[in-house]
Protein backbone atom coordinates (compact mmCIF):
# COMPACT_ATOMS: atom_id res chain seq x y z
CA MET A 1 -10.86 27.25 -40.39
CA SER A 2 -9.74 30.67 -39.83
CA ASP A 3 -9.08 33.95 -41.38
CA ILE A 4 -12.31 35.28 -41.95
CA VAL A 5 -12.41 37.52 -44.70
CA ASN A 6 -15.50 39.52 -44.35
CA GLY A 7 -17.34 40.87 -48.17
CA ASN A 8 -18.18 44.73 -48.83
CA GLU A 9 -20.58 46.50 -46.65
CA VAL A 10 -24.35 45.67 -47.46
CA ILE A 11 -26.13 48.57 -48.92
CA PRO A 12 -29.67 49.15 -47.93
CA SER A 13 -31.63 48.72 -50.57
CA ALA A 14 -32.51 52.09 -52.94
CA TYR A 15 -35.64 53.21 -54.33
CA VAL A 16 -34.86 55.63 -57.61
CA ASN A 17 -36.89 57.15 -60.30
CA PRO A 18 -35.79 55.57 -63.86
CA LYS A 19 -34.71 59.36 -65.56
CA PHE A 20 -36.75 60.90 -68.64
CA PRO A 21 -39.96 58.68 -67.96
CA ASN A 22 -41.62 60.82 -70.82
CA ASN A 23 -39.62 58.49 -73.41
CA PHE A 24 -41.77 55.50 -72.80
CA VAL A 25 -44.95 57.68 -73.48
CA MET A 26 -43.53 59.02 -76.60
CA ASN A 27 -41.67 55.75 -77.79
CA PHE A 28 -45.56 53.85 -77.61
CA LEU A 29 -47.11 56.97 -79.50
CA TYR A 30 -44.11 57.08 -82.28
CA SER A 31 -44.88 52.91 -82.60
CA PHE A 32 -48.93 53.14 -82.22
CA GLN A 33 -48.27 55.73 -85.15
CA SER A 34 -46.20 53.59 -87.36
CA TYR A 35 -48.81 51.04 -87.00
CA LEU A 36 -51.64 52.88 -88.24
CA SER A 37 -50.08 54.47 -90.99
CA ASN A 38 -48.60 51.19 -92.38
CA SER A 39 -52.24 50.06 -92.71
CA ILE A 40 -54.34 52.74 -93.63
CA PRO A 41 -55.76 53.16 -97.40
CA ARG A 42 -53.45 55.86 -98.36
CA GLU A 43 -49.55 56.32 -97.70
CA LEU A 44 -49.18 59.14 -95.82
CA LYS A 45 -46.96 61.96 -96.87
CA TYR A 46 -46.63 63.77 -93.14
CA LYS A 47 -46.78 62.12 -89.62
CA MET A 48 -46.15 64.13 -86.67
CA ILE A 49 -46.18 63.68 -82.88
CA THR A 50 -47.20 67.11 -81.71
CA THR A 51 -50.11 68.82 -80.65
CA TYR A 52 -52.98 70.04 -83.75
CA GLN A 53 -51.61 74.02 -84.11
CA LYS A 54 -48.23 73.11 -84.49
CA GLY A 55 -48.86 70.26 -87.00
CA ILE A 56 -50.74 72.77 -88.85
CA GLU A 57 -48.46 75.57 -88.39
CA HIS A 58 -45.83 72.82 -89.87
CA LEU A 59 -47.43 71.85 -93.00
CA HIS A 60 -47.72 75.61 -93.75
CA LYS A 61 -44.07 76.44 -93.56
CA GLN A 62 -43.28 73.20 -95.81
CA VAL A 63 -43.52 74.91 -99.23
CA GLU A 64 -43.80 79.00 -99.51
CA GLY A 65 -45.47 80.15 -102.74
CA VAL A 66 -47.33 76.88 -103.43
CA ASP A 67 -51.15 75.85 -102.31
CA ILE A 68 -50.93 75.14 -99.06
CA TYR A 69 -54.20 72.47 -99.34
CA ALA A 70 -51.99 70.71 -102.48
CA GLN A 71 -49.53 67.81 -102.33
CA GLN A 72 -49.67 67.73 -98.31
CA TYR A 73 -52.03 65.22 -97.86
CA PRO A 74 -52.56 62.94 -96.60
CA ALA A 75 -50.71 63.59 -92.71
CA MET A 76 -51.31 62.46 -89.84
CA ILE A 77 -50.99 64.22 -86.46
CA VAL A 78 -50.78 62.19 -83.09
CA GLN A 79 -51.31 64.83 -80.20
CA PRO A 80 -49.97 63.64 -76.73
CA GLY A 81 -52.85 63.85 -74.18
CA GLN A 82 -53.19 63.29 -70.43
CA LEU A 83 -51.54 60.56 -68.41
CA LYS A 84 -53.46 59.53 -65.24
CA LEU A 85 -53.19 56.49 -62.87
CA ASP A 86 -55.51 53.90 -62.95
CA GLU A 87 -56.97 53.85 -59.07
CA ARG A 88 -58.40 50.51 -60.37
CA VAL A 89 -55.47 48.24 -59.97
CA ASN A 90 -52.38 49.85 -58.42
CA ALA A 91 -51.61 48.50 -55.14
CA PRO A 92 -49.45 49.52 -51.79
CA TRP A 93 -46.72 48.02 -52.49
CA GLN A 94 -46.83 49.79 -56.04
CA SER A 95 -45.50 52.88 -54.37
CA MET A 96 -41.77 53.90 -53.00
CA ASN A 97 -41.90 52.11 -49.99
CA GLN A 98 -40.36 48.68 -48.18
CA MET A 99 -43.47 46.93 -49.24
CA SER A 100 -42.46 47.00 -52.52
CA GLU A 101 -38.82 46.01 -52.16
CA LYS A 102 -39.88 42.82 -50.25
CA MET A 103 -42.60 42.01 -53.02
CA MET A 104 -40.70 42.58 -55.87
CA VAL A 105 -37.60 40.31 -53.95
CA ASN A 106 -39.77 37.60 -52.96
CA HIS A 107 -42.04 36.87 -55.51
CA PHE A 108 -39.89 38.23 -59.02
CA LYS A 109 -36.52 37.50 -60.55
CA PRO A 110 -34.32 40.61 -60.70
CA TYR A 111 -35.10 42.20 -64.13
CA VAL A 112 -31.31 42.44 -64.76
CA THR A 113 -28.05 42.21 -62.54
CA LEU A 114 -25.33 44.48 -62.91
CA GLY A 115 -22.42 43.28 -60.25
CA ASN A 116 -23.76 42.71 -56.91
CA VAL A 117 -26.79 44.77 -57.87
CA ALA A 118 -30.41 43.02 -58.63
CA ILE A 119 -32.62 45.63 -60.39
CA TYR A 120 -36.01 45.28 -59.85
CA PRO A 121 -38.41 47.96 -61.65
CA VAL A 122 -41.69 48.35 -60.38
CA THR A 123 -45.08 49.67 -62.52
CA ASN A 124 -47.78 51.15 -62.33
CA ARG A 125 -50.63 51.17 -64.66
CA PHE A 126 -51.78 54.15 -66.47
CA ILE A 127 -54.36 55.24 -68.14
CA TYR A 128 -53.34 57.47 -71.25
CA THR A 129 -55.62 59.21 -73.30
CA PHE A 130 -54.56 60.91 -76.89
CA GLU A 131 -56.05 62.26 -79.80
CA ILE A 132 -54.84 61.63 -83.91
CA HIS A 133 -55.88 63.92 -86.63
CA TYR A 134 -56.79 62.67 -89.79
CA LEU A 135 -56.12 65.06 -92.38
CA ALA A 136 -57.32 64.16 -96.35
CA GLU A 137 -57.89 65.56 -99.70
CA SER A 138 -61.42 64.71 -99.74
CA SER A 139 -64.88 63.87 -97.79
CA LEU A 140 -64.53 60.70 -99.40
CA GLU A 141 -61.65 59.92 -98.22
CA LEU A 142 -62.54 60.30 -94.53
CA ILE A 143 -64.88 57.49 -94.89
CA ASP A 144 -62.50 55.37 -95.64
CA VAL A 145 -60.31 56.41 -93.22
CA MET A 146 -63.30 55.88 -90.46
CA LEU A 147 -64.47 52.53 -91.94
CA HIS A 148 -60.53 51.28 -91.18
CA MET A 149 -60.56 52.43 -87.98
CA ASN A 150 -63.34 50.60 -87.03
CA ARG A 151 -62.44 47.50 -88.83
CA LEU A 152 -59.02 47.65 -86.38
CA PHE A 153 -60.88 48.43 -83.18
CA ASN A 154 -64.38 47.77 -83.26
CA ASN A 155 -65.00 49.68 -79.66
CA ARG A 156 -63.29 47.03 -77.91
CA TYR A 157 -59.67 47.07 -76.38
CA LYS A 158 -56.96 45.37 -78.64
CA HIS A 159 -53.55 44.39 -77.03
CA PHE A 160 -50.70 45.22 -79.06
CA GLU A 161 -47.06 43.41 -77.84
CA ASP A 162 -44.12 45.78 -77.43
CA ILE A 163 -45.72 48.45 -79.19
CA GLY A 164 -43.09 50.56 -77.41
CA ARG A 165 -39.33 49.89 -76.72
CA GLY A 166 -38.09 52.26 -74.22
CA HIS A 167 -34.87 52.38 -71.90
CA LEU A 168 -34.39 52.58 -68.39
CA TYR A 169 -31.66 55.19 -67.68
CA LEU A 170 -29.93 54.60 -64.88
CA PRO A 171 -29.56 56.84 -62.21
CA ASP A 172 -26.21 58.41 -61.26
CA ALA A 173 -26.27 56.90 -57.52
CA LEU A 174 -26.27 53.76 -59.16
CA ILE A 175 -23.73 54.25 -61.76
CA ASP A 176 -21.51 55.88 -59.36
CA TYR A 177 -21.46 52.27 -57.15
CA LEU A 178 -20.74 50.34 -60.27
CA VAL A 179 -18.27 51.98 -61.45
CA GLN A 180 -16.49 52.45 -57.86
CA GLU A 181 -16.70 48.99 -56.99
CA TYR A 182 -16.07 46.82 -60.68
CA THR A 183 -14.75 50.19 -62.55
CA GLU A 184 -17.15 50.97 -65.82
CA GLU A 185 -16.80 47.38 -67.45
CA VAL A 186 -19.17 45.88 -65.56
CA LEU A 187 -21.72 48.39 -67.57
CA SER A 188 -20.24 47.99 -71.13
CA LEU A 189 -19.54 44.30 -70.86
CA SER A 190 -23.43 43.15 -69.64
CA ASP A 191 -25.87 41.89 -72.12
CA ASP A 192 -28.42 43.86 -70.22
CA CYS A 193 -27.05 47.22 -70.45
CA SER A 194 -27.65 47.93 -74.04
CA PHE A 195 -27.73 51.84 -74.61
CA VAL A 196 -24.45 53.80 -73.72
CA TYR A 197 -24.57 57.48 -74.40
CA SER A 198 -21.85 59.91 -73.82
CA SER A 199 -22.94 63.59 -73.90
CA THR A 200 -21.02 66.50 -75.19
CA TYR A 201 -19.82 67.03 -70.97
CA ASN A 202 -18.20 63.82 -70.89
CA ARG A 203 -21.11 62.08 -69.24
CA SER A 204 -21.76 58.37 -69.74
CA MET A 205 -25.47 57.60 -69.52
CA TYR A 206 -26.17 54.18 -69.45
CA ALA A 207 -29.70 52.27 -69.85
CA ILE A 208 -31.77 48.55 -69.82
CA PRO A 209 -34.03 47.81 -72.64
CA TRP A 210 -37.58 47.95 -71.50
CA ASN A 211 -40.86 46.73 -74.05
CA LEU A 212 -44.42 48.23 -73.21
CA ASN A 213 -47.29 46.28 -74.00
CA SER A 214 -50.40 47.70 -73.95
CA HIS A 215 -54.33 47.20 -74.46
CA ILE A 216 -55.50 50.35 -76.94
CA LYS A 217 -59.26 51.37 -77.46
CA LEU A 218 -60.77 53.78 -80.13
CA LEU A 219 -63.76 55.98 -77.26
CA ASP A 220 -64.89 58.11 -80.37
CA TYR A 221 -64.12 60.23 -83.61
CA SER A 222 -65.55 63.42 -84.85
CA ASP A 223 -65.33 65.80 -87.85
CA GLY A 224 -63.58 68.52 -88.22
CA SER A 225 -63.89 69.33 -92.17
CA ASN A 226 -64.31 72.96 -93.35
CA PHE A 227 -66.78 72.29 -96.16
CA MET A 228 -67.35 75.77 -96.83
CA GLY A 229 -64.02 77.32 -97.07
CA ASP A 230 -64.73 80.80 -96.10
CA GLN A 231 -61.86 82.83 -97.10
CA GLU A 232 -59.96 79.22 -97.78
CA LEU A 233 -59.90 76.29 -99.36
CA PRO A 234 -62.41 73.84 -97.79
CA THR A 235 -60.30 71.45 -95.31
CA PHE A 236 -60.93 67.50 -94.77
CA ARG A 237 -60.27 66.50 -91.33
CA THR A 238 -60.94 63.70 -88.84
CA SER A 239 -60.49 63.50 -84.88
CA PHE A 240 -59.92 60.17 -82.98
CA SER A 241 -59.49 59.48 -79.82
CA PHE A 242 -58.08 56.60 -77.82
CA GLU A 243 -57.78 55.73 -74.77
CA ALA A 244 -54.33 52.76 -73.90
CA MET A 245 -53.33 51.13 -70.31
CA LEU A 246 -49.85 51.48 -70.10
CA ALA A 247 -47.52 49.92 -67.34
CA LEU A 248 -44.81 51.79 -66.87
CA PRO A 249 -41.94 51.97 -64.24
CA ASN A 250 -42.43 54.20 -61.53
CA HIS A 251 -39.52 53.50 -59.74
CA LEU A 252 -36.74 50.75 -58.90
CA VAL A 253 -35.92 48.53 -56.57
CA ASN A 254 -32.13 48.73 -56.40
CA VAL A 255 -30.86 45.39 -54.09
CA TYR A 256 -27.16 45.70 -53.36
CA ASN A 257 -26.46 42.21 -52.37
CA PRO A 258 -23.05 41.21 -49.91
CA THR A 259 -20.28 39.77 -51.73
CA TRP A 260 -19.89 36.51 -50.17
CA ASP A 261 -17.86 35.47 -47.01
CA THR A 262 -15.19 33.38 -47.09
CA PHE A 263 -12.77 30.92 -45.03
CA SER A 264 -9.51 30.18 -45.52
CA THR A 265 -8.38 26.80 -45.05
CA SER A 266 -5.23 24.54 -44.75
CA LEU A 267 -5.50 21.79 -47.51
CA ASP A 268 -3.10 18.66 -47.67
CA ILE A 269 -0.59 19.99 -50.40
CA ALA A 270 2.29 20.76 -48.38
CA GLY A 271 5.38 21.17 -51.04
CA SER A 272 2.98 21.46 -54.25
CA GLY A 273 3.39 25.15 -54.51
CA THR A 274 -0.19 25.67 -55.46
CA ILE A 275 -2.39 28.57 -53.76
CA ASP A 276 -4.14 27.81 -50.66
CA PRO A 277 -8.02 27.68 -52.02
CA MET A 278 -10.73 30.07 -50.45
CA TYR A 279 -13.85 28.76 -50.50
CA ARG A 280 -17.08 28.17 -48.59
CA LEU A 281 -19.01 25.41 -47.89
CA ASP A 282 -23.10 26.52 -47.77
CA ASN A 283 -25.93 24.14 -47.83
CA SER A 284 -28.42 26.86 -47.40
CA LEU A 285 -28.56 28.28 -51.22
CA THR A 286 -31.61 25.51 -52.59
CA ASN A 287 -33.65 25.57 -55.70
CA LYS A 288 -36.61 23.63 -54.39
CA GLU A 289 -37.66 23.38 -57.37
CA THR A 290 -35.30 21.75 -59.73
CA GLN A 291 -33.80 20.27 -56.18
CA GLU A 292 -30.28 21.90 -56.59
CA VAL A 293 -27.88 23.85 -54.11
CA ILE A 294 -24.85 25.62 -54.22
CA LEU A 295 -22.14 22.98 -52.33
CA LEU A 296 -18.90 25.26 -52.49
CA HIS A 297 -18.42 28.25 -53.47
CA ILE A 298 -14.58 29.06 -54.28
CA ILE A 299 -12.27 32.31 -55.04
CA ASP A 300 -8.60 33.39 -54.60
CA PHE A 301 -7.52 29.86 -55.90
CA ASP A 302 -4.55 28.72 -58.63
CA ALA A 303 -4.68 27.49 -61.91
CA THR A 304 -5.30 24.19 -60.49
CA CYS A 305 -7.66 24.11 -57.58
CA THR A 306 -7.90 20.58 -55.72
CA ILE A 307 -10.37 20.21 -52.55
CA ASP A 308 -11.09 17.27 -50.90
CA LEU A 309 -14.38 17.19 -49.05
CA PRO A 310 -15.70 14.76 -46.87
CA LYS A 311 -18.49 13.21 -47.87
CA SER A 312 -19.80 13.40 -44.68
CA SER A 313 -20.13 16.89 -45.02
CA ILE A 314 -22.72 16.04 -47.97
CA ALA A 315 -25.75 13.94 -47.66
CA SER A 316 -25.63 10.82 -49.42
CA ASN A 317 -29.02 11.67 -51.65
CA PHE A 318 -26.71 13.53 -53.85
CA VAL A 319 -26.36 12.45 -57.25
CA GLU A 320 -24.72 14.75 -59.67
CA PHE A 321 -22.24 17.51 -59.43
CA TRP A 322 -21.04 20.64 -61.64
CA GLY A 323 -18.97 23.49 -61.60
CA VAL A 324 -20.13 27.00 -62.98
CA LYS A 325 -18.12 29.98 -63.13
CA THR A 326 -19.77 33.29 -63.00
CA HIS A 327 -17.54 36.57 -64.61
CA MET A 328 -16.88 38.85 -61.61
CA LEU A 329 -17.42 41.79 -63.88
CA SER A 330 -20.54 41.00 -65.80
CA GLY A 331 -22.13 38.77 -64.01
CA LYS A 332 -22.06 35.93 -67.01
CA LYS A 333 -22.58 32.38 -65.67
CA THR A 334 -21.05 29.44 -67.02
CA ILE A 335 -21.41 25.82 -66.83
CA LEU A 336 -17.62 24.37 -66.44
CA ASP A 337 -16.85 21.73 -69.47
CA GLU A 338 -14.78 18.62 -68.82
CA THR A 339 -11.58 20.33 -69.30
CA GLU A 340 -12.40 22.47 -66.49
CA PHE A 341 -14.18 20.44 -63.72
CA ALA A 342 -13.30 17.07 -62.44
CA MET A 343 -14.95 15.18 -59.74
CA VAL A 344 -13.54 11.48 -58.51
CA GLU A 345 -14.91 9.88 -54.78
CA ASP A 346 -13.65 7.26 -52.79
CA LEU A 347 -14.86 5.67 -49.81
CA ILE A 348 -14.35 8.82 -47.70
CA ASN A 349 -13.66 11.63 -49.71
CA ARG A 350 -14.99 13.71 -53.20
CA THR A 351 -12.44 15.74 -54.64
CA PHE A 352 -12.84 18.57 -56.59
CA THR A 353 -10.55 19.75 -59.45
CA ILE A 354 -10.95 22.94 -61.37
CA THR A 355 -8.57 23.53 -64.20
CA GLY A 356 -7.32 26.73 -66.05
CA VAL A 357 -10.25 29.24 -64.56
CA SER A 358 -8.32 32.56 -63.41
CA SER A 359 -9.41 33.38 -60.22
CA GLU A 360 -8.76 37.23 -61.23
CA ASP A 361 -11.79 37.31 -63.44
CA TYR A 362 -14.08 34.73 -62.32
CA VAL A 363 -15.51 33.14 -58.80
CA VAL A 364 -16.63 29.21 -59.29
CA ASN A 365 -19.79 27.36 -57.69
CA ILE A 366 -19.79 23.89 -57.37
CA PHE A 367 -23.44 22.52 -57.94
CA GLY A 368 -24.90 19.78 -56.45
CA LYS A 369 -28.14 17.63 -57.41
CA TYR A 370 -30.53 15.90 -54.69
CA ILE A 371 -33.46 13.47 -55.15
């Protein structure tokens, strides 16, 4: 074998913060407000996520010349609160250092793979406290709402699956690398990169989805009604204090994997007019759980590619062989069907034939399963 073709230079892992982390908290509040509004006894006329003062100001401006305490209630104001790190559970590897890279790469599967970049979000757990103000038309309505909240939470943490759906906005440095390496199609073709936004400044922003789970507890509630009214009409308000445990992405570990090194070999196909396929024989990429091995990594081949592999190069306990093609832009993997992959053997060689697969778009891996 000769003519070693080097792959791309290996770029060190990068530790970057996802853009706009506040979108996780705001989406969480929006989803939780929707959950409550769909279950409380009365249909809400106004729902807001803001401070109490801003919410009241908004209600006052809705209908000028009309009694501000009529036809506007019930209303719910979700007031964002304080976010602090939960020091009881967070570990040193969850900070931005090489320890987090080793932990994620060795113990977790990539959350998303784009081209040759594997993306691992590293989360920290936070305690988030916030308040919900419920404005009613009567004190009796407040009783209904307080009893309903107690039925829902009962002073215990309640688990909510997918309570907040946010996006991990990819940093500019990662986008620039992928566009330079693969063109922008690697992002738009990926099933994992689900959100594309083009601003007025002709700047594209890409994101990957992130769903939040949470444990939420009702801490306390208090009455803020003004029954006497003073110079205004009476008001009826109850404030609920909540605590939520949120696992939010703290930073991203982006592992830039090298492109395969390949070896060119001269096969006995003189006069056939085909291109000599470039392949790498590799028995080291083993999945011990499924007992599967990548035997060959093939690139730069003709429409019909044939490789004779001596049986002596593969252990005798292999019982099954198949091919998988990987789209170089999107990273999508597809098992080759019977028209695209064939394997025959004689006493000396195993012959693998790849048909109808474009080497301009795909690389091919030949897998083997052993017993």
